[in-house]
Amino acid sequence: MVVQDIVLGPDLVNYANAIKSRPLVVVVLAPRPEVVAEREAARTKVAYRDGRYTIEELCDVLRFETPRVGMWLDTSKQTAEETVDEIIRRGLTDGRVDGRI
């Protein structure tokens, strides 16, 4: 089973601990803020344009307030396909979280 969500700050630990299935693999995608902005501008859907938070604010919470759980990937220079390949290649080892965090 794969669950995709945006979980920032200390909530990541609570979220991961609530998942009982094992093995548990946590992957955090963390491209640079300017790359997020470029990707967002190229999308037809709206993810960051509601005005509640800026991309920079969200990236700061990710980088400075989110515990380093699982595998963190700077996907700034990767295509979606390259990111998937890296997750498949490394996820079960580098992203594996056993027990409670």
Foldseek 3Di string as FASTA:
>chain_A
DDDDDDDFFPVVLVVQQVDDDPQDFDEAEQADLVLVVVVQVPDPDHDAPPPPDHSVRRNCRRVPGGDPAFHYDHCSPPDPVRVVVVCVVPGVPRGTDPDRD
